[in-house]
């Protein structure tokens, strides 16, 4: 079974407060990006499970890869058999695009089908949320207003059809640990969902990502990419999630230069 594990962007990200469990309460809107994806191939095998990877190199122990964490979780919960997982990694990591989370969710969804578990969407959301804070989003994989630590979702509609989306990432990444270490939680005067009711041309400076201030200080290359988006005519630009990827929304196809060493993909929504 072959699945496309697409990434996401965050439109607005308010870090409201630190919770007693060590996580943070958030409010953010996640939007799927269908044209930027990893490929996850899963097949039922005899013997021990196998994980193979190609494409972008993720330097971590096999059992620490989120695909394998998802497999082991499903084996503990449902006693399923062994599989071979082949991951063709295309989405940049350390980017705030949720590539690893999407891969893990793809594994959960594939195993549900391969082993005829018949799990409901609500149950799949619960299982995915055990892996990470934004993993559950990819079960629904439609625009969602996400609260709690990211796992509580409700559908939201945004008028983005026809806009060009540019996604860029510098060579350097940002770890989730670094992002949260420097953030200053605060409840904004206006909720994100209310700010998004404004015309898209009024989002800049109003729809914000709370990770940007300290991440931009520590990583000027990320701030430079956001400026490049705005200079090229983006009606809205922001860092996605905890970074280091930056995206811009354009009302016409952009002429954008971000330097040879930086990743860039442009698509239409």
Protein backbone atom coordinates (compact mmCIF):
# COMPACT_ATOMS: atom_id res chain seq x y z
CA UNK A 1 0.00 0.00 0.00
CA UNK A 2 1.43 3.35 -1.07
CA UNK A 3 0.34 6.62 0.57
CA UNK A 4 1.30 10.23 -0.03
CA UNK A 5 2.06 11.79 3.33
CA UNK A 6 1.60 15.49 2.62
CA UNK A 7 2.83 18.27 4.86
CA UNK A 8 1.00 21.25 6.39
CA UNK A 9 1.48 24.91 7.13
CA UNK A 10 0.31 26.86 10.15
CA UNK A 11 -1.61 30.06 9.53
CA UNK A 12 -1.26 31.87 12.81
CA UNK A 13 0.06 30.23 15.96
CA UNK A 14 -0.73 31.57 19.42
CA UNK A 15 1.03 29.92 22.37
CA UNK A 16 -1.45 30.62 25.15
CA UNK A 17 -0.02 29.03 28.30
CA UNK A 18 2.21 26.29 29.66
CA UNK A 19 0.26 23.34 31.03
CA UNK A 20 0.93 21.25 34.13
CA UNK A 21 1.80 18.26 31.92
CA UNK A 22 4.68 20.22 30.35
CA UNK A 23 2.90 20.85 27.04
CA UNK A 24 1.49 24.19 25.93
CA UNK A 25 -2.04 25.21 25.02
CA UNK A 26 -2.09 26.51 21.44
CA UNK A 27 -4.45 28.01 18.95
CA UNK A 28 -3.46 27.59 15.32
CA UNK A 29 -4.95 26.81 11.92
CA UNK A 30 -3.36 23.96 10.00
CA UNK A 31 -3.75 23.73 6.23
CA UNK A 32 -2.70 20.65 4.23
CA UNK A 33 -0.23 21.13 1.37
CA UNK A 34 -1.05 18.28 -1.05
CA UNK A 35 1.74 18.99 -3.53
CA UNK A 36 4.55 18.64 -0.98
CA UNK A 37 4.66 15.10 0.38
CA UNK A 38 6.67 12.05 1.41
CA UNK A 39 5.83 8.63 -0.04
CA UNK A 40 5.16 5.83 2.46
CA UNK A 41 5.02 2.25 1.13
CA UNK A 42 3.84 -0.46 3.54
CA UNK A 43 3.48 -4.19 2.91
CA UNK A 44 2.68 -7.14 5.15
CA UNK A 45 5.67 -9.51 5.55
CA UNK A 46 6.71 -12.57 7.50
CA UNK A 47 9.43 -12.27 10.10
CA UNK A 48 10.63 -9.09 11.78
CA UNK A 49 9.47 -5.67 10.60
CA UNK A 50 11.81 -3.73 8.31
CA UNK A 51 12.22 0.01 7.86
CA UNK A 52 13.98 1.41 4.79
CA UNK A 53 14.48 5.03 3.86
CA UNK A 54 15.50 6.89 0.73
CA UNK A 55 15.45 10.51 -0.35
CA UNK A 56 16.39 13.08 2.28
CA UNK A 57 18.50 11.53 5.02
CA UNK A 58 17.06 11.68 8.55
CA UNK A 59 19.89 10.83 10.93
CA UNK A 60 18.21 9.01 13.80
CA UNK A 61 17.94 5.48 15.18
CA UNK A 62 15.42 3.38 13.23
CA UNK A 63 13.21 2.78 16.25
CA UNK A 64 13.11 6.53 16.93
CA UNK A 65 11.70 7.30 13.50
CA UNK A 66 8.05 8.31 13.84
CA UNK A 67 7.03 5.68 11.27
CA UNK A 68 8.39 2.94 13.51
CA UNK A 69 6.90 4.55 16.62
CA UNK A 70 3.53 4.46 14.90
CA UNK A 71 4.01 0.80 13.95
CA UNK A 72 5.04 -0.21 17.48
CA UNK A 73 2.07 1.66 18.94
CA UNK A 74 -0.36 -0.16 16.63
CA UNK A 75 1.26 -3.49 17.45
CA UNK A 76 0.84 -2.84 21.18
CA UNK A 77 -2.76 -1.71 20.79
CA UNK A 78 -4.01 -4.28 18.28
CA UNK A 79 -1.46 -7.08 18.05
CA UNK A 80 -1.03 -6.63 14.31
CA UNK A 81 1.64 -8.49 12.34
CA UNK A 82 4.94 -7.41 10.85
CA UNK A 83 5.41 -5.07 7.91
CA UNK A 84 8.03 -3.52 5.70
CA UNK A 85 7.93 0.28 5.65
CA UNK A 86 9.72 2.17 2.89
CA UNK A 87 9.87 5.93 3.36
CA UNK A 88 10.81 8.17 0.44
CA UNK A 89 11.58 11.38 2.34
CA UNK A 90 10.92 14.55 0.32
CA UNK A 91 9.53 17.04 2.83
CA UNK A 92 12.33 18.98 4.59
CA UNK A 93 12.60 18.13 8.28
CA UNK A 94 13.24 20.52 11.18
CA UNK A 95 10.96 22.80 9.20
CA UNK A 96 7.66 23.11 11.07
CA UNK A 97 5.90 21.43 8.15
CA UNK A 98 4.88 18.30 10.04
CA UNK A 99 6.53 15.88 7.63
CA UNK A 100 7.44 13.30 10.26
CA UNK A 101 4.01 13.55 11.87
CA UNK A 102 2.37 13.04 8.49
CA UNK A 103 4.52 9.96 7.87
CA UNK A 104 3.46 8.49 11.23
CA UNK A 105 -0.21 9.10 10.49
CA UNK A 106 0.17 7.51 7.06
CA UNK A 107 1.50 4.38 8.77
CA UNK A 108 -1.46 4.31 11.16
CA UNK A 109 -3.96 4.75 8.33
CA UNK A 110 -2.27 2.08 6.20
CA UNK A 111 -2.18 -0.44 9.04
CA UNK A 112 -5.84 0.15 9.70
CA UNK A 113 -6.53 -0.87 6.11
CA UNK A 114 -3.96 -3.67 5.77
CA UNK A 115 -5.16 -5.48 8.89
CA UNK A 116 -8.86 -4.66 8.45
CA UNK A 117 -9.14 -3.03 11.87
CA UNK A 118 -12.14 -0.91 10.90
CA UNK A 119 -11.16 1.95 13.23
CA UNK A 120 -13.36 5.06 13.23
CA UNK A 121 -11.99 8.48 12.39
CA UNK A 122 -12.34 9.54 16.03
CA UNK A 123 -10.31 6.51 17.16
CA UNK A 124 -7.66 7.14 14.52
CA UNK A 125 -7.38 10.73 15.78
CA UNK A 126 -6.91 9.44 19.34
CA UNK A 127 -4.18 7.02 18.27
CA UNK A 128 -2.36 9.59 16.15
CA UNK A 129 -2.41 12.06 19.05
CA UNK A 130 -0.43 9.53 21.10
CA UNK A 131 2.50 10.05 18.72
CA UNK A 132 2.68 13.85 18.69
CA UNK A 133 0.84 17.15 18.94
CA UNK A 134 0.15 17.72 15.24
CA UNK A 135 -0.05 14.09 14.15
CA UNK A 136 -3.83 13.89 14.64
CA UNK A 137 -4.36 16.67 12.08
CA UNK A 138 -3.28 14.40 9.24
CA UNK A 139 -6.11 11.95 9.92
CA UNK A 140 -8.59 14.57 8.74
CA UNK A 141 -6.09 16.37 6.47
CA UNK A 142 -8.42 19.32 5.83
CA UNK A 143 -8.19 22.90 7.14
CA UNK A 144 -8.66 22.72 10.91
CA UNK A 145 -8.64 25.11 13.83
CA UNK A 146 -6.42 23.28 16.31
CA UNK A 147 -6.43 23.90 20.05
CA UNK A 148 -5.22 22.11 23.18
CA UNK A 149 -1.70 20.95 22.35
CA UNK A 150 -2.85 20.74 18.74
CA UNK A 151 -4.93 17.59 18.91
CA UNK A 152 -8.36 19.21 19.39
CA UNK A 153 -9.75 20.15 16.00
CA UNK A 154 -12.71 21.75 14.34
CA UNK A 155 -13.11 22.40 10.61
CA UNK A 156 -12.52 25.92 9.33
CA UNK A 157 -12.94 27.47 5.90
CA UNK A 158 -10.45 29.99 4.55
CA UNK A 159 -10.71 31.69 1.12
CA UNK A 160 -7.35 30.47 -0.18
CA UNK A 161 -8.38 28.83 -3.44
CA UNK A 162 -6.45 30.26 -6.38
CA UNK A 163 -3.64 31.76 -4.29
CA UNK A 164 -0.06 30.75 -4.99
CA UNK A 165 1.78 29.22 -2.05
CA UNK A 166 5.56 29.47 -1.83
CA UNK A 167 7.37 27.40 0.80
CA UNK A 168 11.05 28.02 1.51
CA UNK A 169 13.49 26.64 4.06
CA UNK A 170 17.08 27.53 4.87
CA UNK A 171 19.67 24.82 5.39
CA UNK A 172 19.42 25.19 9.15
CA UNK A 173 16.55 23.67 11.09
CA UNK A 174 14.83 24.49 14.36
CA UNK A 175 14.07 21.83 16.95
CA UNK A 176 10.76 21.84 18.81
CA UNK A 177 12.75 22.04 22.05
CA UNK A 178 14.50 25.22 20.92
CA UNK A 179 11.25 26.80 19.75
CA UNK A 180 9.42 26.27 23.01
CA UNK A 181 12.42 27.16 25.19
CA UNK A 182 12.31 30.78 24.04
CA UNK A 183 8.60 31.40 23.55
CA UNK A 184 6.63 33.71 25.86
CA UNK A 185 3.09 32.34 26.24
CA UNK A 186 0.31 34.94 26.30
CA UNK A 187 -3.39 35.06 25.55
CA UNK A 188 -3.91 37.61 22.74
CA UNK A 189 -6.57 40.29 22.91
CA UNK A 190 -8.33 38.83 19.86
CA UNK A 191 -8.65 35.12 19.10
CA UNK A 192 -6.93 33.82 15.99
CA UNK A 193 -10.22 32.60 14.55
CA UNK A 194 -11.55 36.18 14.74
CA UNK A 195 -8.41 37.69 13.18
CA UNK A 196 -8.78 35.31 10.25
CA UNK A 197 -12.19 36.77 9.44
CA UNK A 198 -10.38 39.81 8.03
CA UNK A 199 -9.51 39.95 4.32
CA UNK A 200 -6.26 38.11 3.59
CA UNK A 201 -4.61 41.40 2.68
CA UNK A 202 -5.07 42.50 6.31
CA UNK A 203 -3.59 39.41 7.96
CA UNK A 204 0.03 40.60 8.02
CA UNK A 205 0.90 41.88 11.49
CA UNK A 206 -2.41 40.63 12.89
CA UNK A 207 -2.24 36.88 12.25
CA UNK A 208 1.03 36.07 14.01
CA UNK A 209 3.27 33.16 14.92
CA UNK A 210 4.45 33.47 18.53
CA UNK A 211 7.66 31.55 17.77
CA UNK A 212 8.93 34.11 15.29
CA UNK A 213 10.40 36.81 17.59
CA UNK A 214 13.03 34.69 19.33
CA UNK A 215 13.61 32.29 16.42
CA UNK A 216 14.31 35.20 14.08
CA UNK A 217 16.93 36.52 16.51
CA UNK A 218 18.64 33.12 16.77
CA UNK A 219 18.27 32.34 13.05
CA UNK A 220 18.46 35.51 10.90
CA UNK A 221 18.30 33.38 7.73
CA UNK A 222 14.68 32.53 8.53
CA UNK A 223 13.77 36.19 8.99
CA UNK A 224 15.51 36.92 5.69
CA UNK A 225 13.31 34.38 3.89
CA UNK A 226 10.15 35.95 5.28
CA UNK A 227 11.33 39.37 4.11
CA UNK A 228 12.05 37.91 0.67
CA UNK A 229 8.47 36.65 0.49
CA UNK A 230 7.03 40.05 1.39
CA UNK A 231 9.42 41.89 -0.95
CA UNK A 232 8.27 39.60 -3.77
CA UNK A 233 4.67 40.66 -3.21
CA UNK A 234 3.26 38.13 -0.76
CA UNK A 235 -0.09 39.26 0.61
CA UNK A 236 0.80 37.27 3.74
CA UNK A 237 4.00 35.57 4.89
CA UNK A 238 4.88 33.69 8.06
CA UNK A 239 7.07 31.03 9.56
CA UNK A 240 5.25 27.70 9.70
CA UNK A 241 4.91 26.06 13.09
CA UNK A 242 8.15 26.08 15.04
CA UNK A 243 10.19 26.72 11.86
CA UNK A 244 12.47 26.87 10.02
CA UNK A 245 10.28 26.87 6.92
CA UNK A 246 8.59 30.09 5.81
CA UNK A 247 5.65 30.41 3.45
CA UNK A 248 4.06 33.19 1.48
CA UNK A 249 0.61 33.58 -0.08
CA UNK A 250 0.57 35.40 -3.43
CA UNK A 251 -2.36 36.53 -5.57
CA UNK A 252 -0.26 35.96 -8.70
CA UNK A 253 2.63 33.66 -9.54
CA UNK A 254 5.65 35.06 -7.70
CA UNK A 255 9.10 35.82 -9.06
CA UNK A 256 11.00 34.74 -6.01
CA UNK A 257 14.70 34.24 -5.34
CA UNK A 258 15.78 32.73 -2.03
CA UNK A 259 19.35 31.73 -2.84
CA UNK A 260 20.77 28.49 -4.22
CA UNK A 261 21.34 26.89 -0.81
CA UNK A 262 17.72 27.26 0.32
CA UNK A 263 14.83 24.94 -0.45
CA UNK A 264 11.94 26.48 -2.42
CA UNK A 265 8.70 25.11 -3.84
CA UNK A 266 5.87 27.15 -5.40
CA UNK A 267 2.39 25.73 -6.02
CA UNK A 268 -1.19 26.91 -6.43
CA UNK A 269 -3.84 26.23 -3.82
